[in-house]
């Protein structure tokens, strides 16, 4: 089941990447993709840079918080 969810999320992210026109959107997709790949160090670096410019992006803030908390699942 989890594999199916990740697979579906990656397909949706590919579609999001194809339609992302602003740097903010492209960065959000890159952060989400890194999170799903388990690259939590990359999530941390990308999210910090992103949130410095876009502090109102709640999605990125939640992904980053989940990546920094071992055992916490994004919710």
C-alpha atoms as a PDB file:
ATOM      1  CA  UNK A   1       0.000   0.000   0.000  1.00  0.00           C
ATOM      2  CA  UNK A   2       2.750   2.462   0.929  1.00  0.00           C
ATOM      3  CA  UNK A   3       4.581   1.793  -2.338  1.00  0.00           C
ATOM      4  CA  UNK A   4       1.405   2.534  -4.251  1.00  0.00           C
ATOM      5  CA  UNK A   5       0.954   5.821  -2.390  1.00  0.00           C
ATOM      6  CA  UNK A   6       4.528   6.891  -3.054  1.00  0.00           C
ATOM      7  CA  UNK A   7       4.217   5.858  -6.693  1.00  0.00           C
ATOM      8  CA  UNK A   8       1.019   7.883  -7.033  1.00  0.00           C
ATOM      9  CA  UNK A   9       2.595  10.872  -5.278  1.00  0.00           C
ATOM     10  CA  UNK A  10       5.597  10.756  -7.626  1.00  0.00           C
ATOM     11  CA  UNK A  11       3.272  10.693 -10.650  1.00  0.00           C
ATOM     12  CA  UNK A  12       1.396  13.699  -9.287  1.00  0.00           C
ATOM     13  CA  UNK A  13       4.681  15.487  -8.612  1.00  0.00           C
ATOM     14  CA  UNK A  14       5.758  14.872 -12.204  1.00  0.00           C
ATOM     15  CA  UNK A  15       2.544  16.512 -13.367  1.00  0.00           C
ATOM     16  CA  UNK A  16       3.067  19.373 -10.914  1.00  0.00           C
ATOM     17  CA  UNK A  17       6.635  19.855 -12.163  1.00  0.00           C
ATOM     18  CA  UNK A  18       5.404  20.045 -15.728  1.00  0.00           C
ATOM     19  CA  UNK A  19       2.926  22.791 -14.872  1.00  0.00           C
ATOM     20  CA  UNK A  20       4.967  24.730 -12.291  1.00  0.00           C
ATOM     21  CA  UNK A  21       5.768  28.096 -13.807  1.00  0.00           C
ATOM     22  CA  UNK A  22       7.024  30.134 -10.872  1.00  0.00           C
ATOM     23  CA  UNK A  23      10.251  29.520  -8.963  1.00  0.00           C
ATOM     24  CA  UNK A  24       8.144  29.126  -5.806  1.00  0.00           C
ATOM     25  CA  UNK A  25       6.137  26.299  -7.395  1.00  0.00           C
ATOM     26  CA  UNK A  26       9.216  24.576  -8.816  1.00  0.00           C
ATOM     27  CA  UNK A  27      10.967  24.772  -5.443  1.00  0.00           C
ATOM     28  CA  UNK A  28       7.930  23.328  -3.653  1.00  0.00           C
ATOM     29  CA  UNK A  29       7.876  20.377  -6.048  1.00  0.00           C
ATOM     30  CA  UNK A  30      11.624  19.795  -5.584  1.00  0.00           C
ATOM     31  CA  UNK A  31      11.214  19.803  -1.798  1.00  0.00           C
ATOM     32  CA  UNK A  32       8.306  17.369  -1.929  1.00  0.00           C
ATOM     33  CA  UNK A  33      10.222  15.085  -4.299  1.00  0.00           C
ATOM     34  CA  UNK A  34      13.272  15.089  -1.990  1.00  0.00           C
ATOM     35  CA  UNK A  35      11.036  14.259   0.966  1.00  0.00           C
ATOM     36  CA  UNK A  36       9.449  11.302  -0.813  1.00  0.00           C
ATOM     37  CA  UNK A  37      12.898  10.081  -1.869  1.00  0.00           C
ATOM     38  CA  UNK A  38      13.994  10.143   1.769  1.00  0.00           C
ATOM     39  CA  UNK A  39      16.677  12.775   1.120  1.00  0.00           C
ATOM     40  CA  UNK A  40      15.997  14.630   4.361  1.00  0.00           C
ATOM     41  CA  UNK A  41      19.249  16.618   4.345  1.00  0.00           C
ATOM     42  CA  UNK A  42      18.285  18.021   0.940  1.00  0.00           C
ATOM     43  CA  UNK A  43      14.787  18.790   2.223  1.00  0.00           C
ATOM     44  CA  UNK A  44      16.313  20.756   5.087  1.00  0.00           C
ATOM     45  CA  UNK A  45      18.601  22.824   2.853  1.00  0.00           C
ATOM     46  CA  UNK A  46      16.001  23.489   0.162  1.00  0.00           C
ATOM     47  CA  UNK A  47      13.250  24.283   2.675  1.00  0.00           C
ATOM     48  CA  UNK A  48      15.406  26.762   4.595  1.00  0.00           C
ATOM     49  CA  UNK A  49      16.240  28.659   1.415  1.00  0.00           C
ATOM     50  CA  UNK A  50      12.655  28.501   0.204  1.00  0.00           C
ATOM     51  CA  UNK A  51      11.115  29.646   3.494  1.00  0.00           C
ATOM     52  CA  UNK A  52      13.538  32.577   3.692  1.00  0.00           C
ATOM     53  CA  UNK A  53      11.886  33.923   0.531  1.00  0.00           C
ATOM     54  CA  UNK A  54       8.394  32.476   1.034  1.00  0.00           C
ATOM     55  CA  UNK A  55       7.683  32.280   4.778  1.00  0.00           C
ATOM     56  CA  UNK A  56       3.955  31.867   4.100  1.00  0.00           C
ATOM     57  CA  UNK A  57       4.339  28.479   2.372  1.00  0.00           C
ATOM     58  CA  UNK A  58       2.683  26.217   4.930  1.00  0.00           C
ATOM     59  CA  UNK A  59       3.144  23.085   2.828  1.00  0.00           C
ATOM     60  CA  UNK A  60       6.927  23.465   2.739  1.00  0.00           C
ATOM     61  CA  UNK A  61       6.979  24.345   6.443  1.00  0.00           C
ATOM     62  CA  UNK A  62       5.087  21.131   7.276  1.00  0.00           C
ATOM     63  CA  UNK A  63       7.284  18.970   5.032  1.00  0.00           C
ATOM     64  CA  UNK A  64      10.412  20.449   6.622  1.00  0.00           C
ATOM     65  CA  UNK A  65       9.084  19.912  10.139  1.00  0.00           C
ATOM     66  CA  UNK A  66       8.273  16.304   9.350  1.00  0.00           C
ATOM     67  CA  UNK A  67      11.727  15.759   7.841  1.00  0.00           C
ATOM     68  CA  UNK A  68      13.404  17.109  10.994  1.00  0.00           C
ATOM     69  CA  UNK A  69      11.390  14.930  13.380  1.00  0.00           C
ATOM     70  CA  UNK A  70      12.519  11.276  13.338  1.00  0.00           C
ATOM     71  CA  UNK A  71       9.583   8.890  13.161  1.00  0.00           C
ATOM     72  CA  UNK A  72       7.097  11.629  12.376  1.00  0.00           C
ATOM     73  CA  UNK A  73       4.954  11.070   9.319  1.00  0.00           C
ATOM     74  CA  UNK A  74       3.899  14.050   7.251  1.00  0.00           C
ATOM     75  CA  UNK A  75       0.334  14.972   8.174  1.00  0.00           C
END
